[in-house]
Amino acid sequence: MMKTPEYWNHRSTLSILLWPLSQVWACATAIRNHFAPASLTSLPIICVGNITAGGTGQKPITAFLYDSLLAKGYQPAILIRGYGATVTSPIWVDPKQHTVKECGDEALMLAESRNVLVARDRVAGASVIAQRGQHNVILMDDGMQNPFISKTLSIGIFDGSVGIGNGFLIPAGPLRVSLASGVQQMDIALINGDDETNIAAKLPASLPRFSASLLPDQTIIDALGDTPILAFAGIGQPKRFFATLRKAGCNLAHYLAFADHHPYSETDLVRLQEDAMRLGAQLVTTQKDWVRLPAEWRERIVVLPVALAIDDDGALCADVEAAISAHQNS
């Protein structure tokens, strides 16, 4: 696990030197996609993905769509790769039974109130969900570039604060595929947070797009009041969490960013606690980080849940329902 390289955000000598390797990545991807047959599934698959490495806020969007569809009478299930999961076959996640090591932090977080299946093989996972006989739509978290499974609708997420970075492919930049190729995979684009890099101007005018922002749990914010906060996060874009705290008016005394999915050791947590005590601050972290904490540490650290606010959520949900209906009638 590593932090997002700083050179991914701008073109530098290092990113230019790595550019030839990015062409190897592009060639390997093209070959794989050419020979990979896309498997059709009996259930509609709504893919929530991106075209960059690193977090763009897919999990809150997946959760939002799940809850919205459930409220409208659908029976969704979430299909997720489960980053770092040790399970080798598809498994339904039970937060009371499974651990982060077994299923991954994101799967465990989503499964607190939702049906979540972890599967390394997306095709096998979709089959398990269909065979269960309890669901009529699959929300696939990530996997937009997976050529082995056919998607009914693909929603591409962009982080407004970083956009597509320096515009180079991995490892020279953050892109998994070129922007031109990536938007061809999308049916809908969603920009998460303020569009600081003007990514909207780079998207085709014909591509439907929405804007979203993450809102922290106001009850927690009110309870914190003016208490100094030491915030820490090991997510794809930690600065997005810190910006959320500032925007909410929190007294952010200090903050620390860790690598995405960072496994917090006892040494890490003791140091965080010592820093907080020195600052007279309360430790605060994200839901994704909180599920990775040892049980004995969770009661000492405030977890701040966030909810997604979409500029026109009704229209987005209508597009998703239309895609589901088209699949069911095909």
C-alpha atoms as a PDB file:
ATOM      1  CA  MET A   1       0.000   0.000   0.000  1.00  0.00           C
ATOM      2  CA  MET A   2       1.226   3.462  -0.844  1.00  0.00           C
ATOM      3  CA  LYS A   3       0.100   7.034  -0.930  1.00  0.00           C
ATOM      4  CA  THR A   4      -0.876   8.528  -4.262  1.00  0.00           C
ATOM      5  CA  PRO A   5       2.395   9.773  -5.821  1.00  0.00           C
ATOM      6  CA  GLU A   6       2.621  13.544  -5.879  1.00  0.00           C
ATOM      7  CA  TYR A   7       3.960  13.520  -9.445  1.00  0.00           C
ATOM      8  CA  TRP A   8       0.627  12.066 -10.618  1.00  0.00           C
ATOM      9  CA  ASN A   9      -0.883  15.506 -10.062  1.00  0.00           C
ATOM     10  CA  HIS A  10       1.403  17.354 -12.481  1.00  0.00           C
ATOM     11  CA  ARG A  11       3.812  16.675 -15.307  1.00  0.00           C
ATOM     12  CA  SER A  12       7.376  16.482 -14.081  1.00  0.00           C
ATOM     13  CA  THR A  13      10.695  15.001 -15.093  1.00  0.00           C
ATOM     14  CA  LEU A  14       9.820  11.774 -13.288  1.00  0.00           C
ATOM     15  CA  SER A  15       6.395  11.408 -14.891  1.00  0.00           C
ATOM     16  CA  ILE A  16       7.889  12.053 -18.344  1.00  0.00           C
ATOM     17  CA  LEU A  17      10.619   9.468 -17.726  1.00  0.00           C
ATOM     18  CA  LEU A  18       7.941   6.948 -16.755  1.00  0.00           C
ATOM     19  CA  TRP A  19       5.811   7.732 -19.807  1.00  0.00           C
ATOM     20  CA  PRO A  20       7.257   4.873 -21.939  1.00  0.00           C
ATOM     21  CA  LEU A  21       6.202   2.402 -19.246  1.00  0.00           C
ATOM     22  CA  SER A  22       2.691   3.823 -19.409  1.00  0.00           C
ATOM     23  CA  GLN A  23       2.602   2.841 -23.072  1.00  0.00           C
ATOM     24  CA  VAL A  24       3.452  -0.731 -22.081  1.00  0.00           C
ATOM     25  CA  TRP A  25       0.492  -0.582 -19.671  1.00  0.00           C
ATOM     26  CA  ALA A  26      -1.755   0.705 -22.469  1.00  0.00           C
ATOM     27  CA  CYS A  27      -0.617  -2.024 -24.855  1.00  0.00           C
ATOM     28  CA  ALA A  28      -1.137  -4.795 -22.287  1.00  0.00           C
ATOM     29  CA  THR A  29      -4.614  -3.467 -21.498  1.00  0.00           C
ATOM     30  CA  ALA A  30      -5.551  -3.326 -25.181  1.00  0.00           C
ATOM     31  CA  ILE A  31      -4.413  -6.916 -25.744  1.00  0.00           C
ATOM     32  CA  ARG A  32      -6.335  -8.175 -22.720  1.00  0.00           C
ATOM     33  CA  ASN A  33      -9.512  -6.375 -23.746  1.00  0.00           C
ATOM     34  CA  HIS A  34      -9.276  -7.658 -27.313  1.00  0.00           C
ATOM     35  CA  PHE A  35      -9.211 -11.299 -26.267  1.00  0.00           C
ATOM     36  CA  ALA A  36     -11.547 -11.066 -23.252  1.00  0.00           C
ATOM     37  CA  PRO A  37     -15.138 -12.178 -23.890  1.00  0.00           C
ATOM     38  CA  ALA A  38     -17.678 -10.143 -21.890  1.00  0.00           C
ATOM     39  CA  SER A  39     -20.001 -12.399 -19.908  1.00  0.00           C
ATOM     40  CA  LEU A  40     -23.697 -11.511 -19.925  1.00  0.00           C
ATOM     41  CA  THR A  41     -25.595 -11.795 -16.646  1.00  0.00           C
ATOM     42  CA  SER A  42     -29.247 -12.437 -15.903  1.00  0.00           C
ATOM     43  CA  LEU A  43     -29.443  -9.471 -13.543  1.00  0.00           C
ATOM     44  CA  PRO A  44     -28.823  -5.844 -14.550  1.00  0.00           C
ATOM     45  CA  ILE A  45     -25.412  -4.587 -13.425  1.00  0.00           C
ATOM     46  CA  ILE A  46     -24.969  -0.934 -12.488  1.00  0.00           C
ATOM     47  CA  CYS A  47     -21.239  -0.249 -12.366  1.00  0.00           C
ATOM     48  CA  VAL A  48     -19.915   2.552 -10.167  1.00  0.00           C
ATOM     49  CA  GLY A  49     -16.312   3.023 -11.207  1.00  0.00           C
ATOM     50  CA  ASN A  50     -13.616   5.417 -12.324  1.00  0.00           C
ATOM     51  CA  ILE A  51     -10.734   5.695 -14.765  1.00  0.00           C
ATOM     52  CA  THR A  52      -8.049   6.643 -12.258  1.00  0.00           C
ATOM     53  CA  ALA A  53      -6.147   4.814  -9.557  1.00  0.00           C
ATOM     54  CA  GLY A  54      -6.936   6.047  -6.069  1.00  0.00           C
ATOM     55  CA  GLY A  55     -10.210   6.987  -4.432  1.00  0.00           C
ATOM     56  CA  THR A  56     -12.861   9.112  -6.089  1.00  0.00           C
ATOM     57  CA  GLY A  57     -15.683   8.556  -3.583  1.00  0.00           C
ATOM     58  CA  GLN A  58     -17.238   5.457  -5.117  1.00  0.00           C
ATOM     59  CA  LYS A  59     -18.308   3.883  -1.834  1.00  0.00           C
ATOM     60  CA  PRO A  60     -20.668   6.698  -0.717  1.00  0.00           C
ATOM     61  CA  ILE A  61     -22.158   6.749  -4.224  1.00  0.00           C
ATOM     62  CA  THR A  62     -22.637   2.983  -4.221  1.00  0.00           C
ATOM     63  CA  ALA A  63     -24.274   3.246  -0.791  1.00  0.00           C
ATOM     64  CA  PHE A  64     -26.511   6.089  -1.988  1.00  0.00           C
ATOM     65  CA  LEU A  65     -27.717   4.113  -5.006  1.00  0.00           C
ATOM     66  CA  TYR A  66     -28.305   0.999  -2.903  1.00  0.00           C
ATOM     67  CA  ASP A  67     -30.400   2.882  -0.346  1.00  0.00           C
ATOM     68  CA  SER A  68     -32.313   4.771  -3.055  1.00  0.00           C
ATOM     69  CA  LEU A  69     -33.155   1.612  -4.999  1.00  0.00           C
ATOM     70  CA  LEU A  70     -34.145  -0.217  -1.814  1.00  0.00           C
ATOM     71  CA  ALA A  71     -36.519   2.635  -0.912  1.00  0.00           C
ATOM     72  CA  LYS A  72     -38.136   2.303  -4.336  1.00  0.00           C
ATOM     73  CA  GLY A  73     -38.853  -1.395  -3.875  1.00  0.00           C
ATOM     74  CA  TYR A  74     -35.843  -2.947  -5.589  1.00  0.00           C
ATOM     75  CA  GLN A  75     -33.751  -5.676  -3.983  1.00  0.00           C
ATOM     76  CA  PRO A  76     -30.152  -4.672  -4.724  1.00  0.00           C
ATOM     77  CA  ALA A  77     -26.918  -6.416  -3.864  1.00  0.00           C
ATOM     78  CA  ILE A  78     -23.429  -4.923  -3.927  1.00  0.00           C
ATOM     79  CA  LEU A  79     -20.659  -6.808  -5.738  1.00  0.00           C
ATOM     80  CA  ILE A  80     -17.197  -5.723  -4.626  1.00  0.00           C
ATOM     81  CA  ARG A  81     -13.660  -6.956  -5.185  1.00  0.00           C
ATOM     82  CA  GLY A  82     -12.736  -6.471  -1.522  1.00  0.00           C
ATOM     83  CA  TYR A  83      -9.312  -4.846  -1.587  1.00  0.00           C
ATOM     84  CA  GLY A  84      -6.878  -6.869   0.499  1.00  0.00           C
ATOM     85  CA  ALA A  85      -9.446  -9.582   1.268  1.00  0.00           C
ATOM     86  CA  THR A  86      -8.041 -13.025   1.984  1.00  0.00           C
ATOM     87  CA  VAL A  87     -11.159 -14.969   1.023  1.00  0.00           C
ATOM     88  CA  THR A  88     -10.654 -16.784  -2.261  1.00  0.00           C
ATOM     89  CA  SER A  89     -14.250 -17.634  -3.135  1.00  0.00           C
ATOM     90  CA  PRO A  90     -17.372 -15.408  -3.211  1.00  0.00           C
ATOM     91  CA  ILE A  91     -18.674 -14.668   0.264  1.00  0.00           C
ATOM     92  CA  TRP A  92     -21.622 -12.719   1.687  1.00  0.00           C
ATOM     93  CA  VAL A  93     -20.221 -10.272   4.220  1.00  0.00           C
ATOM     94  CA  ASP A  94     -21.460 -10.430   7.806  1.00  0.00           C
ATOM     95  CA  PRO A  95     -19.958  -7.638   9.957  1.00  0.00           C
ATOM     96  CA  LYS A  96     -20.688  -9.675  13.085  1.00  0.00           C
ATOM     97  CA  GLN A  97     -18.733 -12.642  11.782  1.00  0.00           C
ATOM     98  CA  HIS A  98     -16.137 -11.431   9.290  1.00  0.00           C
ATOM     99  CA  THR A  99     -13.056  -9.297   9.728  1.00  0.00           C
ATOM    100  CA  VAL A 100     -11.324  -6.636   7.657  1.00  0.00           C
ATOM    101  CA  LYS A 101      -8.599  -9.144   6.865  1.00  0.00           C
ATOM    102  CA  GLU A 102     -11.116 -11.577   5.419  1.00  0.00           C
ATOM    103  CA  CYS A 103     -13.299  -9.169   3.436  1.00  0.00           C
ATOM    104  CA  GLY A 104     -11.548  -5.810   3.187  1.00  0.00           C
ATOM    105  CA  ASP A 105     -12.412  -2.540   4.905  1.00  0.00           C
ATOM    106  CA  GLU A 106     -14.735  -1.162   2.215  1.00  0.00           C
ATOM    107  CA  ALA A 107     -16.846  -4.303   2.019  1.00  0.00           C
ATOM    108  CA  LEU A 108     -17.180  -4.456   5.796  1.00  0.00           C
ATOM    109  CA  MET A 109     -18.187  -0.790   5.961  1.00  0.00           C
ATOM    110  CA  LEU A 110     -20.846  -1.141   3.247  1.00  0.00           C
ATOM    111  CA  ALA A 111     -22.208  -4.356   4.787  1.00  0.00           C
ATOM    112  CA  GLU A 112     -23.239  -2.671   8.042  1.00  0.00           C
ATOM    113  CA  SER A 113     -26.753  -2.254   6.601  1.00  0.00           C
ATOM    114  CA  ARG A 114     -26.575  -3.723   3.091  1.00  0.00           C
ATOM    115  CA  ASN A 115     -26.229  -7.002   1.206  1.00  0.00           C
ATOM    116  CA  VAL A 116     -22.604  -7.191   0.071  1.00  0.00           C
ATOM    117  CA  LEU A 117     -20.824  -9.987  -1.759  1.00  0.00           C
ATOM    118  CA  VAL A 118     -17.025 -10.036  -1.971  1.00  0.00           C
ATOM    119  CA  ALA A 119     -15.688 -11.808  -5.052  1.00  0.00           C
ATOM    120  CA  ARG A 120     -12.320 -11.634  -6.761  1.00  0.00           C
ATOM    121  CA  ASP A 121     -13.967 -13.042  -9.885  1.00  0.00           C
ATOM    122  CA  ARG A 122     -16.731 -10.585 -10.824  1.00  0.00           C
ATOM    123  CA  VAL A 123     -18.440 -13.046 -13.180  1.00  0.00           C
ATOM    124  CA  ALA A 124     -18.553 -15.736 -10.483  1.00  0.00           C
ATOM    125  CA  GLY A 125     -19.784 -13.162  -7.971  1.00  0.00           C
ATOM    126  CA  ALA A 126     -22.612 -12.004 -10.227  1.00  0.00           C
ATOM    127  CA  SER A 127     -23.635 -15.632 -10.683  1.00  0.00           C
ATOM    128  CA  VAL A 128     -23.745 -16.207  -6.909  1.00  0.00           C
ATOM    129  CA  ILE A 129     -25.967 -13.142  -6.459  1.00  0.00           C
ATOM    130  CA  ALA A 130     -28.340 -14.258  -9.217  1.00  0.00           C
ATOM    131  CA  GLN A 131     -28.526 -17.820  -7.866  1.00  0.00           C
ATOM    132  CA  ARG A 132     -29.457 -16.547  -4.420  1.00  0.00           C
ATOM    133  CA  GLY A 133     -32.815 -15.588  -5.871  1.00  0.00           C
ATOM    134  CA  GLN A 134     -33.351 -12.596  -3.569  1.00  0.00           C
ATOM    135  CA  HIS A 135     -32.036  -9.752  -5.709  1.00  0.00           C
ATOM    136  CA  ASN A 136     -33.065  -8.043  -8.930  1.00  0.00           C
ATOM    137  CA  VAL A 137     -30.169  -5.628  -9.489  1.00  0.00           C
ATOM    138  CA  ILE A 138     -26.413  -5.702  -8.894  1.00  0.00           C
ATOM    139  CA  LEU A 139     -24.422  -2.610  -7.925  1.00  0.00           C
ATOM    140  CA  MET A 140     -20.854  -3.368  -8.925  1.00  0.00           C
ATOM    141  CA  ASP A 141     -18.343  -1.275  -7.014  1.00  0.00           C
ATOM    142  CA  ASP A 142     -15.399  -0.534  -9.323  1.00  0.00           C
ATOM    143  CA  GLY A 143     -14.607  -2.826 -12.266  1.00  0.00           C
ATOM    144  CA  MET A 144     -15.374  -0.374 -15.061  1.00  0.00           C
ATOM    145  CA  GLN A 145     -12.274  -1.606 -16.902  1.00  0.00           C
ATOM    146  CA  ASN A 146     -13.076  -5.272 -16.263  1.00  0.00           C
ATOM    147  CA  PRO A 147     -13.696  -6.663 -19.776  1.00  0.00           C
ATOM    148  CA  PHE A 148     -15.010 -10.026 -18.589  1.00  0.00           C
ATOM    149  CA  ILE A 149     -18.417  -8.845 -17.396  1.00  0.00           C
ATOM    150  CA  SER A 150     -21.031  -6.865 -19.295  1.00  0.00           C
ATOM    151  CA  LYS A 151     -22.459  -3.753 -17.620  1.00  0.00           C
ATOM    152  CA  THR A 152     -26.014  -2.475 -18.002  1.00  0.00           C
ATOM    153  CA  LEU A 153     -25.061   1.065 -16.981  1.00  0.00           C
ATOM    154  CA  SER A 154     -21.675   2.528 -16.055  1.00  0.00           C
ATOM    155  CA  ILE A 155     -21.334   5.588 -13.830  1.00  0.00           C
ATOM    156  CA  GLY A 156     -17.864   7.118 -13.940  1.00  0.00           C
ATOM    157  CA  ILE A 157     -16.757   9.055 -10.874  1.00  0.00           C
ATOM    158  CA  PHE A 158     -14.246  11.903 -10.927  1.00  0.00           C
ATOM    159  CA  ASP A 159     -12.732  13.518  -7.850  1.00  0.00           C
ATOM    160  CA  GLY A 160     -13.196  17.233  -8.497  1.00  0.00           C
ATOM    161  CA  SER A 161     -10.045  18.140  -6.576  1.00  0.00           C
ATOM    162  CA  VAL A 162      -7.679  16.080  -8.735  1.00  0.00           C
ATOM    163  CA  GLY A 163      -9.596  15.306 -11.937  1.00  0.00           C
ATOM    164  CA  ILE A 164      -7.329  13.193 -14.144  1.00  0.00           C
ATOM    165  CA  GLY A 165      -4.107  14.485 -12.585  1.00  0.00           C
ATOM    166  CA  ASN A 166      -1.314  14.935 -15.100  1.00  0.00           C
ATOM    167  CA  GLY A 167      -3.282  13.071 -17.771  1.00  0.00           C
ATOM    168  CA  PHE A 168      -0.757  10.222 -18.079  1.00  0.00           C
ATOM    169  CA  LEU A 169      -1.437   6.497 -17.772  1.00  0.00           C
ATOM    170  CA  ILE A 170      -0.106   4.372 -14.900  1.00  0.00           C
ATOM    171  CA  PRO A 171       2.703   4.471 -13.767  1.00  0.00           C
ATOM    172  CA  ALA A 172       3.469   7.936 -15.160  1.00  0.00           C
ATOM    173  CA  GLY A 173       0.098   9.224 -13.996  1.00  0.00           C
ATOM    174  CA  PRO A 174      -3.141   8.095 -12.370  1.00  0.00           C
ATOM    175  CA  LEU A 175      -5.120   7.061 -15.453  1.00  0.00           C
ATOM    176  CA  ARG A 176      -6.040   3.398 -15.937  1.00  0.00           C
ATOM    177  CA  VAL A 177      -7.113   4.186 -19.501  1.00  0.00           C
ATOM    178  CA  SER A 178      -6.955   7.355 -21.566  1.00  0.00           C
ATOM    179  CA  LEU A 179      -9.646   9.944 -20.936  1.00  0.00           C
ATOM    180  CA  ALA A 180     -11.011   9.440 -24.455  1.00  0.00           C
ATOM    181  CA  SER A 181     -11.235   5.682 -23.958  1.00  0.00           C
ATOM    182  CA  GLY A 182     -12.553   6.044 -20.427  1.00  0.00           C
ATOM    183  CA  VAL A 183     -15.515   8.272 -21.293  1.00  0.00           C
ATOM    184  CA  GLN A 184     -16.515   5.761 -23.970  1.00  0.00           C
ATOM    185  CA  GLN A 185     -17.004   3.262 -21.146  1.00  0.00           C
ATOM    186  CA  MET A 186     -19.304   5.659 -19.256  1.00  0.00           C
ATOM    187  CA  ASP A 187     -23.021   6.211 -19.600  1.00  0.00           C
ATOM    188  CA  ILE A 188     -23.010   8.865 -16.876  1.00  0.00           C
ATOM    189  CA  ALA A 189     -20.284  11.003 -15.322  1.00  0.00           C
ATOM    190  CA  LEU A 190     -20.416  12.214 -11.725  1.00  0.00           C
ATOM    191  CA  ILE A 191     -18.017  14.832 -10.345  1.00  0.00           C
ATOM    192  CA  ASN A 192     -17.495  14.425  -6.609  1.00  0.00           C
ATOM    193  CA  GLY A 193     -16.678  17.713  -4.896  1.00  0.00           C
ATOM    194  CA  ASP A 194     -15.836  21.120  -6.326  1.00  0.00           C
ATOM    195  CA  ASP A 195     -14.541  20.843  -9.894  1.00  0.00           C
ATOM    196  CA  GLU A 196     -11.171  22.452  -9.175  1.00  0.00           C
ATOM    197  CA  THR A 197      -9.517  21.042 -12.309  1.00  0.00           C
ATOM    198  CA  ASN A 198     -12.409  21.857 -14.669  1.00  0.00           C
ATOM    199  CA  ILE A 199     -12.846  18.213 -15.640  1.00  0.00           C
ATOM    200  CA  ALA A 200     -16.389  19.001 -16.803  1.00  0.00           C
ATOM    201  CA  ALA A 201     -14.970  20.977 -19.749  1.00  0.00           C
ATOM    202  CA  LYS A 202     -12.982  17.911 -20.845  1.00  0.00           C
ATOM    203  CA  LEU A 203     -16.047  15.647 -21.021  1.00  0.00           C
ATOM    204  CA  PRO A 204     -18.172  15.228 -24.166  1.00  0.00           C
ATOM    205  CA  ALA A 205     -21.231  17.469 -24.165  1.00  0.00           C
ATOM    206  CA  SER A 206     -23.361  14.411 -24.931  1.00  0.00           C
ATOM    207  CA  LEU A 207     -22.321  12.612 -21.730  1.00  0.00           C
ATOM    208  CA  PRO A 208     -24.892  13.122 -18.943  1.00  0.00           C
ATOM    209  CA  ARG A 209     -23.202  14.471 -15.835  1.00  0.00           C
ATOM    210  CA  PHE A 210     -24.015  15.166 -12.216  1.00  0.00           C
ATOM    211  CA  SER A 211     -22.267  16.898  -9.337  1.00  0.00           C
ATOM    212  CA  ALA A 212     -22.066  15.606  -5.794  1.00  0.00           C
ATOM    213  CA  SER A 213     -20.610  16.534  -2.434  1.00  0.00           C
ATOM    214  CA  LEU A 214     -20.035  14.678   0.809  1.00  0.00           C
ATOM    215  CA  LEU A 215     -21.863  15.960   3.876  1.00  0.00           C
ATOM    216  CA  PRO A 216     -20.664  14.935   7.348  1.00  0.00           C
ATOM    217  CA  ASP A 217     -23.065  13.656   9.981  1.00  0.00           C
ATOM    218  CA  GLN A 218     -24.323  16.876  11.583  1.00  0.00           C
ATOM    219  CA  THR A 219     -25.012  15.186  14.917  1.00  0.00           C
ATOM    220  CA  ILE A 220     -21.332  14.322  15.248  1.00  0.00           C
ATOM    221  CA  ILE A 221     -20.257  17.791  14.095  1.00  0.00           C
ATOM    222  CA  ASP A 222     -22.531  19.409  16.694  1.00  0.00           C
ATOM    223  CA  ALA A 223     -21.227  17.110  19.417  1.00  0.00           C
ATOM    224  CA  LEU A 224     -17.625  18.038  18.592  1.00  0.00           C
ATOM    225  CA  GLY A 225     -18.419  21.738  18.790  1.00  0.00           C
ATOM    226  CA  ASP A 226     -15.240  23.766  19.242  1.00  0.00           C
ATOM    227  CA  THR A 227     -13.210  20.805  20.484  1.00  0.00           C
ATOM    228  CA  PRO A 228      -9.769  20.731  18.830  1.00  0.00           C
ATOM    229  CA  ILE A 229      -9.558  17.813  16.413  1.00  0.00           C
ATOM    230  CA  LEU A 230      -6.690  15.639  15.274  1.00  0.00           C
ATOM    231  CA  ALA A 231      -8.009  14.029  12.118  1.00  0.00           C
ATOM    232  CA  PHE A 232      -6.367  11.073  10.413  1.00  0.00           C
ATOM    233  CA  ALA A 233      -7.306   9.093   7.321  1.00  0.00           C
ATOM    234  CA  GLY A 234      -5.917   6.286   5.200  1.00  0.00           C
ATOM    235  CA  ILE A 235      -8.183   6.568   2.160  1.00  0.00           C
ATOM    236  CA  GLY A 236      -7.673   7.285  -1.525  1.00  0.00           C
ATOM    237  CA  GLN A 237      -7.863  11.058  -1.107  1.00  0.00           C
ATOM    238  CA  PRO A 238      -7.343  11.943   2.589  1.00  0.00           C
ATOM    239  CA  LYS A 239      -7.376  15.660   1.833  1.00  0.00           C
ATOM    240  CA  ARG A 240     -11.028  15.350   0.844  1.00  0.00           C
ATOM    241  CA  PHE A 241     -11.854  14.217   4.392  1.00  0.00           C
ATOM    242  CA  PHE A 242      -9.839  17.043   5.945  1.00  0.00           C
ATOM    243  CA  ALA A 243     -11.526  19.557   3.631  1.00  0.00           C
ATOM    244  CA  THR A 244     -14.926  18.220   4.703  1.00  0.00           C
ATOM    245  CA  LEU A 245     -14.034  18.869   8.343  1.00  0.00           C
ATOM    246  CA  ARG A 246     -12.884  22.407   7.602  1.00  0.00           C
ATOM    247  CA  LYS A 247     -15.990  23.152   5.556  1.00  0.00           C
ATOM    248  CA  ALA A 248     -18.146  21.906   8.445  1.00  0.00           C
ATOM    249  CA  GLY A 249     -16.483  24.465  10.725  1.00  0.00           C
ATOM    250  CA  CYS A 250     -14.523  22.002  12.846  1.00  0.00           C
ATOM    251  CA  ASN A 251     -11.533  23.147  14.879  1.00  0.00           C
ATOM    252  CA  LEU A 252      -8.923  21.163  12.970  1.00  0.00           C
ATOM    253  CA  ALA A 253      -5.793  21.366  15.118  1.00  0.00           C
ATOM    254  CA  HIS A 254      -3.789  18.832  13.105  1.00  0.00           C
ATOM    255  CA  TYR A 255      -4.248  16.145  10.496  1.00  0.00           C
ATOM    256  CA  LEU A 256      -2.308  13.125   9.277  1.00  0.00           C
ATOM    257  CA  ALA A 257      -2.651  11.247   5.997  1.00  0.00           C
ATOM    258  CA  PHE A 258      -1.830   7.557   5.660  1.00  0.00           C
ATOM    259  CA  ALA A 259      -1.738   5.285   2.626  1.00  0.00           C
ATOM    260  CA  ASP A 260      -5.059   3.950   1.368  1.00  0.00           C
ATOM    261  CA  HIS A 261      -6.162   0.852   3.371  1.00  0.00           C
ATOM    262  CA  HIS A 262      -3.318   1.446   5.869  1.00  0.00           C
ATOM    263  CA  PRO A 263      -3.373  -1.256   8.588  1.00  0.00           C
ATOM    264  CA  TYR A 264      -3.052   0.703  11.819  1.00  0.00           C
ATOM    265  CA  SER A 265      -0.523  -0.793  14.205  1.00  0.00           C
ATOM    266  CA  GLU A 266      -0.447  -0.328  17.954  1.00  0.00           C
ATOM    267  CA  THR A 267       2.548   1.974  17.435  1.00  0.00           C
ATOM    268  CA  ASP A 268       0.582   4.129  14.977  1.00  0.00           C
ATOM    269  CA  LEU A 269      -2.334   4.492  17.352  1.00  0.00           C
ATOM    270  CA  VAL A 270      -0.227   5.200  20.431  1.00  0.00           C
ATOM    271  CA  ARG A 271       1.564   7.963  18.534  1.00  0.00           C
ATOM    272  CA  LEU A 272      -1.741   9.403  17.355  1.00  0.00           C
ATOM    273  CA  GLN A 273      -3.050   9.357  20.907  1.00  0.00           C
ATOM    274  CA  GLU A 274       0.104  11.031  22.243  1.00  0.00           C
ATOM    275  CA  ASP A 275      -0.138  13.750  19.581  1.00  0.00           C
ATOM    276  CA  ALA A 276      -3.809  14.291  20.426  1.00  0.00           C
ATOM    277  CA  MET A 277      -3.070  14.572  24.137  1.00  0.00           C
ATOM    278  CA  ARG A 278      -0.279  17.061  23.472  1.00  0.00           C
ATOM    279  CA  LEU A 279      -2.703  19.187  21.414  1.00  0.00           C
ATOM    280  CA  GLY A 280      -5.627  18.663  23.763  1.00  0.00           C
ATOM    281  CA  ALA A 281      -7.473  17.259  20.738  1.00  0.00           C
ATOM    282  CA  GLN A 282     -10.017  14.560  19.984  1.00  0.00           C
ATOM    283  CA  LEU A 283      -9.027  11.883  17.456  1.00  0.00           C
ATOM    284  CA  VAL A 284     -11.446  11.747  14.499  1.00  0.00           C
ATOM    285  CA  THR A 285     -11.378   9.464  11.468  1.00  0.00           C
ATOM    286  CA  THR A 286     -13.476   8.082   8.601  1.00  0.00           C
ATOM    287  CA  GLN A 287     -15.792   5.078   8.628  1.00  0.00           C
ATOM    288  CA  LYS A 288     -13.434   3.228   6.312  1.00  0.00           C
ATOM    289  CA  ASP A 289     -10.539   3.806   8.725  1.00  0.00           C
ATOM    290  CA  TRP A 290     -12.604   3.068  11.810  1.00  0.00           C
ATOM    291  CA  VAL A 291     -13.461  -0.492  10.702  1.00  0.00           C
ATOM    292  CA  ARG A 292      -9.713  -1.189  10.426  1.00  0.00           C
ATOM    293  CA  LEU A 293      -9.047  -0.165  14.032  1.00  0.00           C
ATOM    294  CA  PRO A 294      -8.588  -2.794  16.747  1.00  0.00           C
ATOM    295  CA  ALA A 295     -11.769  -3.127  18.820  1.00  0.00           C
ATOM    296  CA  GLU A 296     -10.109  -1.747  21.958  1.00  0.00           C
ATOM    297  CA  TRP A 297      -9.282   1.510  20.146  1.00  0.00           C
ATOM    298  CA  ARG A 298     -12.634   2.207  18.540  1.00  0.00           C
ATOM    299  CA  GLU A 299     -14.275   3.691  21.640  1.00  0.00           C
ATOM    300  CA  ARG A 300     -11.457   6.228  21.964  1.00  0.00           C
ATOM    301  CA  ILE A 301     -11.774   7.581  18.434  1.00  0.00           C
ATOM    302  CA  VAL A 302     -14.716   9.472  16.940  1.00  0.00           C
ATOM    303  CA  VAL A 303     -15.909   8.159  13.585  1.00  0.00           C
ATOM    304  CA  LEU A 304     -17.444  10.713  11.242  1.00  0.00           C
ATOM    305  CA  PRO A 305     -19.878   9.200   8.729  1.00  0.00           C
ATOM    306  CA  VAL A 306     -20.568  11.126   5.529  1.00  0.00           C
ATOM    307  CA  ALA A 307     -23.609  11.122   3.252  1.00  0.00           C
ATOM    308  CA  LEU A 308     -23.761  11.944  -0.422  1.00  0.00           C
ATOM    309  CA  ALA A 309     -25.671  14.957  -1.720  1.00  0.00           C
ATOM    310  CA  ILE A 310     -26.264  14.983  -5.496  1.00  0.00           C
ATOM    311  CA  ASP A 311     -27.334  18.087  -7.358  1.00  0.00           C
ATOM    312  CA  ASP A 312     -30.197  16.249  -9.121  1.00  0.00           C
ATOM    313  CA  ASP A 313     -30.506  12.892  -7.421  1.00  0.00           C
ATOM    314  CA  GLY A 314     -33.985  12.314  -8.816  1.00  0.00           C
ATOM    315  CA  ALA A 315     -32.716  12.480 -12.386  1.00  0.00           C
ATOM    316  CA  LEU A 316     -29.777  10.192 -11.611  1.00  0.00           C
ATOM    317  CA  CYS A 317     -32.036   7.605 -10.001  1.00  0.00           C
ATOM    318  CA  ALA A 318     -34.433   7.859 -12.937  1.00  0.00           C
ATOM    319  CA  ASP A 319     -31.576   7.086 -15.343  1.00  0.00           C
ATOM    320  CA  VAL A 320     -30.549   4.082 -13.249  1.00  0.00           C
ATOM    321  CA  GLU A 321     -34.130   2.775 -13.073  1.00  0.00           C
ATOM    322  CA  ALA A 322     -34.542   3.214 -16.827  1.00  0.00           C
ATOM    323  CA  ALA A 323     -31.449   1.106 -17.427  1.00  0.00           C
ATOM    324  CA  ILE A 324     -32.724  -1.593 -15.064  1.00  0.00           C
ATOM    325  CA  SER A 325     -36.096  -1.621 -16.788  1.00  0.00           C
ATOM    326  CA  ALA A 326     -34.493  -1.841 -20.249  1.00  0.00           C
ATOM    327  CA  HIS A 327     -32.427  -4.847 -19.130  1.00  0.00           C
ATOM    328  CA  GLN A 328     -35.431  -6.601 -17.650  1.00  0.00           C
ATOM    329  CA  ASN A 329     -37.451  -6.055 -20.835  1.00  0.00           C
ATOM    330  CA  SER A 330     -34.705  -7.120 -23.218  1.00  0.00           C
END
